[in-house]
C-alpha atoms as a PDB file:
ATOM      1  CA  MET A   1     -43.762 -17.873  14.740  1.00  0.00           C
ATOM      2  CA  LYS A   2     -41.722 -20.819  13.493  1.00  0.00           C
ATOM      3  CA  VAL A   3     -39.074 -21.147  10.788  1.00  0.00           C
ATOM      4  CA  HIS A   4     -41.519 -22.755   8.382  1.00  0.00           C
ATOM      5  CA  ASP A   5     -43.808 -19.704   8.759  1.00  0.00           C
ATOM      6  CA  LEU A   6     -41.152 -17.279   7.468  1.00  0.00           C
ATOM      7  CA  GLN A   7     -41.737 -15.766   4.053  1.00  0.00           C
ATOM      8  CA  PRO A   8     -40.678 -12.578   2.271  1.00  0.00           C
ATOM      9  CA  ALA A   9     -42.871  -9.480   2.428  1.00  0.00           C
ATOM     10  CA  PRO A  10     -45.553  -9.392  -0.269  1.00  0.00           C
ATOM     11  CA  GLY A  11     -44.242  -7.846  -3.482  1.00  0.00           C
ATOM     12  CA  SER A  12     -40.571  -7.935  -2.444  1.00  0.00           C
ATOM     13  CA  ASN A  13     -39.640 -10.937  -4.615  1.00  0.00           C
ATOM     14  CA  ARG A  14     -40.602 -10.717  -8.274  1.00  0.00           C
ATOM     15  CA  ARG A  15     -40.075 -13.410 -10.857  1.00  0.00           C
ATOM     16  CA  ARG A  16     -37.515 -12.639 -13.520  1.00  0.00           C
ATOM     17  CA  LYS A  17     -38.844 -11.596 -16.912  1.00  0.00           C
ATOM     18  CA  ARG A  18     -38.644 -14.489 -19.368  1.00  0.00           C
ATOM     19  CA  VAL A  19     -38.084 -12.974 -22.803  1.00  0.00           C
ATOM     20  CA  GLY A  20     -37.864 -14.484 -26.230  1.00  0.00           C
ATOM     21  CA  ARG A  21     -40.468 -17.207 -25.664  1.00  0.00           C
ATOM     22  CA  GLY A  22     -42.687 -16.879 -28.752  1.00  0.00           C
ATOM     23  CA  ILE A  23     -44.494 -13.946 -30.333  1.00  0.00           C
ATOM     24  CA  GLY A  24     -47.244 -13.703 -27.719  1.00  0.00           C
ATOM     25  CA  GLY A  25     -46.856 -11.125 -24.941  1.00  0.00           C
ATOM     26  CA  LYS A  26     -44.432  -8.271 -24.351  1.00  0.00           C
ATOM     27  CA  GLY A  27     -41.112 -10.111 -24.339  1.00  0.00           C
ATOM     28  CA  GLY A  28     -41.535 -12.132 -27.510  1.00  0.00           C
ATOM     29  CA  LYS A  29     -39.878 -12.100 -30.922  1.00  0.00           C
ATOM     30  CA  THR A  30     -37.137  -9.437 -30.629  1.00  0.00           C
ATOM     31  CA  ALA A  31     -37.238  -9.704 -26.808  1.00  0.00           C
ATOM     32  CA  GLY A  32     -36.896  -5.976 -26.144  1.00  0.00           C
ATOM     33  CA  ARG A  33     -33.687  -5.616 -28.176  1.00  0.00           C
ATOM     34  CA  GLY A  34     -35.145  -3.590 -31.030  1.00  0.00           C
ATOM     35  CA  THR A  35     -34.502  -4.745 -34.580  1.00  0.00           C
ATOM     36  CA  LYS A  36     -31.274  -5.804 -36.242  1.00  0.00           C
ATOM     37  CA  GLY A  37     -27.839  -4.407 -35.493  1.00  0.00           C
ATOM     38  CA  GLN A  38     -25.095  -5.355 -33.063  1.00  0.00           C
ATOM     39  CA  GLY A  39     -27.168  -4.825 -29.898  1.00  0.00           C
ATOM     40  CA  ALA A  40     -29.812  -7.279 -31.118  1.00  0.00           C
ATOM     41  CA  ARG A  41     -27.290 -10.061 -31.594  1.00  0.00           C
ATOM     42  CA  ASP A  42     -24.770 -11.786 -29.343  1.00  0.00           C
ATOM     43  CA  THR A  43     -22.894 -10.274 -26.412  1.00  0.00           C
ATOM     44  CA  ILE A  44     -20.745  -7.149 -26.754  1.00  0.00           C
ATOM     45  CA  PRO A  45     -17.622  -6.920 -24.565  1.00  0.00           C
ATOM     46  CA  VAL A  46     -17.784  -4.464 -21.659  1.00  0.00           C
ATOM     47  CA  GLY A  47     -16.127  -1.192 -22.673  1.00  0.00           C
ATOM     48  CA  PHE A  48     -16.467  -1.916 -26.421  1.00  0.00           C
ATOM     49  CA  GLU A  49     -17.120   1.312 -28.297  1.00  0.00           C
ATOM     50  CA  GLY A  50     -17.826   0.107 -31.817  1.00  0.00           C
ATOM     51  CA  GLY A  51     -14.246   0.047 -33.060  1.00  0.00           C
ATOM     52  CA  GLN A  52     -13.442   3.503 -31.676  1.00  0.00           C
ATOM     53  CA  LEU A  53     -10.408   3.543 -29.369  1.00  0.00           C
ATOM     54  CA  PRO A  54     -11.941   2.746 -25.967  1.00  0.00           C
ATOM     55  CA  LEU A  55     -11.945   5.287 -23.159  1.00  0.00           C
ATOM     56  CA  ALA A  56      -9.692   3.098 -21.002  1.00  0.00           C
ATOM     57  CA  MET A  57      -7.014   3.286 -23.712  1.00  0.00           C
ATOM     58  CA  ARG A  58      -7.534   6.995 -24.502  1.00  0.00           C
ATOM     59  CA  ILE A  59      -6.967   8.376 -21.006  1.00  0.00           C
ATOM     60  CA  PRO A  60      -3.384   8.986 -19.826  1.00  0.00           C
ATOM     61  CA  LYS A  61      -1.731   6.396 -17.638  1.00  0.00           C
ATOM     62  CA  LEU A  62      -0.541   7.083 -14.090  1.00  0.00           C
ATOM     63  CA  LYS A  63       2.741   8.948 -13.928  1.00  0.00           C
ATOM     64  CA  GLY A  64       5.730   8.256 -11.752  1.00  0.00           C
ATOM     65  CA  PHE A  65       7.568   5.090 -10.791  1.00  0.00           C
ATOM     66  CA  ASN A  66       8.644   3.049  -7.767  1.00  0.00           C
ATOM     67  CA  ASN A  67      12.258   3.664  -6.882  1.00  0.00           C
ATOM     68  CA  PRO A  68      13.953   0.257  -6.502  1.00  0.00           C
ATOM     69  CA  PHE A  69      16.715   1.796  -4.359  1.00  0.00           C
ATOM     70  CA  ARG A  70      14.366   3.372  -1.783  1.00  0.00           C
ATOM     71  CA  VAL A  71      15.277   2.554   1.810  1.00  0.00           C
ATOM     72  CA  GLU A  72      12.355   2.675   4.275  1.00  0.00           C
ATOM     73  CA  TYR A  73      13.106   3.244   7.932  1.00  0.00           C
ATOM     74  CA  GLN A  74      10.855   2.797  10.933  1.00  0.00           C
ATOM     75  CA  GLY A  75      11.138   5.948  13.024  1.00  0.00           C
ATOM     76  CA  ILE A  76      11.528   5.894  16.810  1.00  0.00           C
ATOM     77  CA  ASN A  77      11.488   9.197  18.704  1.00  0.00           C
ATOM     78  CA  LEU A  78      13.662  10.164  21.657  1.00  0.00           C
ATOM     79  CA  ASP A  79      10.723  10.341  24.073  1.00  0.00           C
ATOM     80  CA  THR A  80       9.886   6.708  23.205  1.00  0.00           C
ATOM     81  CA  LEU A  81      13.498   5.680  23.827  1.00  0.00           C
ATOM     82  CA  ASP A  82      13.527   7.488  27.161  1.00  0.00           C
ATOM     83  CA  GLY A  83      10.393   5.636  28.235  1.00  0.00           C
ATOM     84  CA  THR A  84      11.736   2.139  27.428  1.00  0.00           C
ATOM     85  CA  GLY A  85      14.070   2.033  30.436  1.00  0.00           C
ATOM     86  CA  LEU A  86      16.841   0.483  28.318  1.00  0.00           C
ATOM     87  CA  ASP A  87      20.442   1.630  28.821  1.00  0.00           C
ATOM     88  CA  VAL A  88      21.670  -0.041  25.609  1.00  0.00           C
ATOM     89  CA  VAL A  89      19.224   0.440  22.746  1.00  0.00           C
ATOM     90  CA  THR A  90      19.615  -1.813  19.681  1.00  0.00           C
ATOM     91  CA  PRO A  91      17.182  -2.779  16.897  1.00  0.00           C
ATOM     92  CA  GLU A  92      16.908  -6.234  18.530  1.00  0.00           C
ATOM     93  CA  ALA A  93      16.039  -4.689  21.920  1.00  0.00           C
ATOM     94  CA  LEU A  94      13.373  -2.489  20.299  1.00  0.00           C
ATOM     95  CA  LEU A  95      11.964  -5.555  18.532  1.00  0.00           C
ATOM     96  CA  GLY A  96      11.795  -7.339  21.885  1.00  0.00           C
ATOM     97  CA  LYS A  97       9.833  -4.406  23.355  1.00  0.00           C
ATOM     98  CA  GLY A  98       7.455  -4.498  20.362  1.00  0.00           C
ATOM     99  CA  LEU A  99       8.374  -1.001  19.159  1.00  0.00           C
ATOM    100  CA  VAL A 100       9.564  -2.023  15.671  1.00  0.00           C
ATOM    101  CA  GLY A 101       8.664  -4.780  13.252  1.00  0.00           C
ATOM    102  CA  LYS A 102      10.792  -7.796  12.414  1.00  0.00           C
ATOM    103  CA  GLY A 103      13.539  -6.918   9.933  1.00  0.00           C
ATOM    104  CA  ALA A 104      12.737  -3.188  10.124  1.00  0.00           C
ATOM    105  CA  LEU A 105      15.460  -0.610   9.624  1.00  0.00           C
ATOM    106  CA  VAL A 106      15.439   1.716  12.643  1.00  0.00           C
ATOM    107  CA  LYS A 107      15.971   5.465  12.470  1.00  0.00           C
ATOM    108  CA  ILE A 108      16.097   7.551  15.640  1.00  0.00           C
ATOM    109  CA  LEU A 109      14.188  10.840  15.333  1.00  0.00           C
ATOM    110  CA  GLY A 110      14.482  13.983  17.461  1.00  0.00           C
ATOM    111  CA  ARG A 111      11.048  14.495  19.068  1.00  0.00           C
ATOM    112  CA  GLY A 112      11.240  14.674  22.850  1.00  0.00           C
ATOM    113  CA  GLU A 113      14.217  14.661  25.210  1.00  0.00           C
ATOM    114  CA  VAL A 114      16.717  12.197  26.631  1.00  0.00           C
ATOM    115  CA  THR A 115      17.064  12.582  30.406  1.00  0.00           C
ATOM    116  CA  ARG A 116      19.806   9.991  30.978  1.00  0.00           C
ATOM    117  CA  SER A 117      22.909   8.587  29.322  1.00  0.00           C
ATOM    118  CA  ILE A 118      22.027   5.823  26.859  1.00  0.00           C
ATOM    119  CA  SER A 119      23.980   3.945  24.219  1.00  0.00           C
ATOM    120  CA  VAL A 120      21.988   3.770  20.968  1.00  0.00           C
ATOM    121  CA  SER A 121      22.681   1.580  17.933  1.00  0.00           C
ATOM    122  CA  ALA A 122      20.438   2.101  14.899  1.00  0.00           C
ATOM    123  CA  HIS A 123      20.526   2.176  11.098  1.00  0.00           C
ATOM    124  CA  GLY A 124      20.021   5.938  10.971  1.00  0.00           C
ATOM    125  CA  PHE A 125      19.825   9.075  13.116  1.00  0.00           C
ATOM    126  CA  SER A 126      18.440  12.524  12.525  1.00  0.00           C
ATOM    127  CA  LYS A 127      20.924  15.283  13.319  1.00  0.00           C
ATOM    128  CA  SER A 128      18.833  16.636  16.208  1.00  0.00           C
ATOM    129  CA  ALA A 129      18.472  13.145  17.736  1.00  0.00           C
ATOM    130  CA  GLN A 130      22.210  12.494  17.532  1.00  0.00           C
ATOM    131  CA  GLU A 131      23.002  15.845  19.156  1.00  0.00           C
ATOM    132  CA  ALA A 132      20.455  15.273  21.948  1.00  0.00           C
ATOM    133  CA  ILE A 133      21.790  11.791  22.780  1.00  0.00           C
ATOM    134  CA  GLU A 134      25.398  12.990  22.854  1.00  0.00           C
ATOM    135  CA  ALA A 135      24.443  16.080  24.900  1.00  0.00           C
ATOM    136  CA  ALA A 136      22.906  13.762  27.533  1.00  0.00           C
ATOM    137  CA  GLY A 137      26.206  11.851  27.762  1.00  0.00           C
ATOM    138  CA  GLY A 138      25.152   8.922  25.579  1.00  0.00           C
ATOM    139  CA  SER A 139      26.766   7.378  22.531  1.00  0.00           C
ATOM    140  CA  VAL A 140      25.557   6.820  18.978  1.00  0.00           C
ATOM    141  CA  THR A 141      26.499   3.886  16.729  1.00  0.00           C
ATOM    142  CA  VAL A 142      25.321   3.579  13.132  1.00  0.00           C
ATOM    143  CA  VAL A 143      24.526  -0.043  12.205  1.00  0.00           C
ATOM    144  CA  PRO A 144      25.304  -0.779   8.527  1.00  0.00           C
ATOM    145  CA  LEU A 145      22.398  -1.740   6.284  1.00  0.00           C
ATOM    146  CA  PRO A 146      22.052  -5.521   5.890  1.00  0.00           C
ATOM    147  CA  TRP A 147      22.556  -5.425   2.100  1.00  0.00           C
ATOM    148  CA  GLY A 148      25.239  -2.744   1.917  1.00  0.00           C
ATOM    149  CA  ASP A 149      25.007   0.128  -0.556  1.00  0.00           C
ATOM    150  CA  ARG A 150      22.331  -0.464  -3.238  1.00  0.00           C
ATOM    151  CA  ARG A 151      22.778   2.827  -5.033  1.00  0.00           C
ATOM    152  CA  PRO A 152      23.741   2.722  -8.716  1.00  0.00           C
ATOM    153  CA  PRO A 153      27.257   3.837  -9.689  1.00  0.00           C
ATOM    154  CA  ALA A 154      27.913   7.583  -9.852  1.00  0.00           C
ATOM    155  CA  LYS A 155      27.013   9.356 -13.059  1.00  0.00           C
ATOM    156  CA  GLY A 156      29.704  10.440 -15.456  1.00  0.00           C
ATOM    157  CA  ASN A 157      32.098   8.493 -17.622  1.00  0.00           C
ATOM    158  CA  GLN A 158      31.621   4.942 -16.368  1.00  0.00           C
ATOM    159  CA  PHE A 159      34.123   3.582 -18.879  1.00  0.00           C
ATOM    160  CA  ALA A 160      37.068   5.748 -17.779  1.00  0.00           C
ATOM    161  CA  ASN A 161      38.740   2.986 -15.704  1.00  0.00           C
ATOM    162  CA  ARG A 162      38.750   0.369 -18.481  1.00  0.00           C
END
């Protein structure tokens, strides 16, 4: 068999129906659209419901919002730290090992154990992780967030100091 011998299976390709080509045959005159009315004339927008409020506008919108002050951390567990072989753990060292993404805020979490004394610097620590590191003779340093504190001012009388 050669490329020029290829052809579709019989009956798999049908010609499109040409409607509205004179009054002879099935697709002539009104071309299958019935008589008169909106459907017989030009195009109708998708979702148009004849002037009634469309379904897409009637249903309730999604609730909730995206908190602009949310701080996302990338979690690293103690068992992962213990397996790195590093004595001084920093976000840059974890990036070099491929454990966190570039520019990620690192939070140390408490799964696993620390078997040796390590010095850990990160943007956040869970209480159990901090206790486990200090119990093993290590030290914990909290690295400040790169943009400082993004929280809005405290609620209450904000004009009291003026």
